[in-house]
Amino acid sequence: MADLLTVQSLSAGYGRAVVLSDVTFALGEGQALAVLGRNGVGKTTLIDSLIGVTRRFAGSVRFSGKEIATLSPEARAQRGIGWVPQERNVFRSLSVEENLTAVARPGPWTADRVFGLFPRLAERRHHAGSALSGGEQQMLAIGRALATNPKLLLLDEPTEGLAPIIVQEVLAAIARLLREEGLAAIVVEQHARKILPITDRAVILERGRIVHESASAALLADATPLERLLGVTER
């Protein structure tokens, strides 16, 4: 399997602050990676570095075989990197449908197909983004990223702050994207057991470094690294 994304010895941060240090990993075509870690360890900074809004101190980021570390966020998006930010950032004054069509690029993911993935959005297609619940805004943020028809989808804490029933809906949609649609993705998540069942591999960050990397199934089978590094004990 060819690597879609290769990150080699990446050190990055904001201003003079180095947040990530010597981060190396690869993601194959159609693979899904869970990025785990406690608060403040650099998970969001890793996503920010992939979309191009941090300061790179060292290392390389190759996407589809080409170096993108010096490209702007807009150029990276055009290459096929889709992003669902932690803050969602939907266009609040636009309708649900307008949110999707405003950023759409040619490809299989149309507004109607997004509505098929998230029926709640279909029911609210003419509602303004500001009129949606938090869960509906998260669905819209995912749908908007899909409408750009990305090769790689980056999701930053997609279940944070959502009601349990909405968490299940969002996770089911993400599982469909990863398992049935074969979309490559990197998913940042604090709650490991939510995301490990639907990803292929996992890394755990601590103080801006990768301190564990394995198959997701291996982490589920032997939770020792989760218990040691994340304090996860629940089953």
Foldseek 3Di string as FASTA:
>chain_A
DDWQKWWAQWWWAADPDTQAGGATDTHHQLAEEEEEADPRQCPVVVVCQQLADIGTPDTFMDGNRHTCNPPHSVVSLVVFEFEQDPVLPQQQAAFLQCSQVVQADDDDQHPVVLCVLPVVCVVRRRPGLVPDDPLVSLSSSVSNSCRNVGQEYEAEASCPPHDPVSLVSVLVSVLCCSPVVSRYYYYYHHDLVSPLVRGQKYFYGGSNYTPDIDGSVVCVVPVVCCCVRNVDDDD
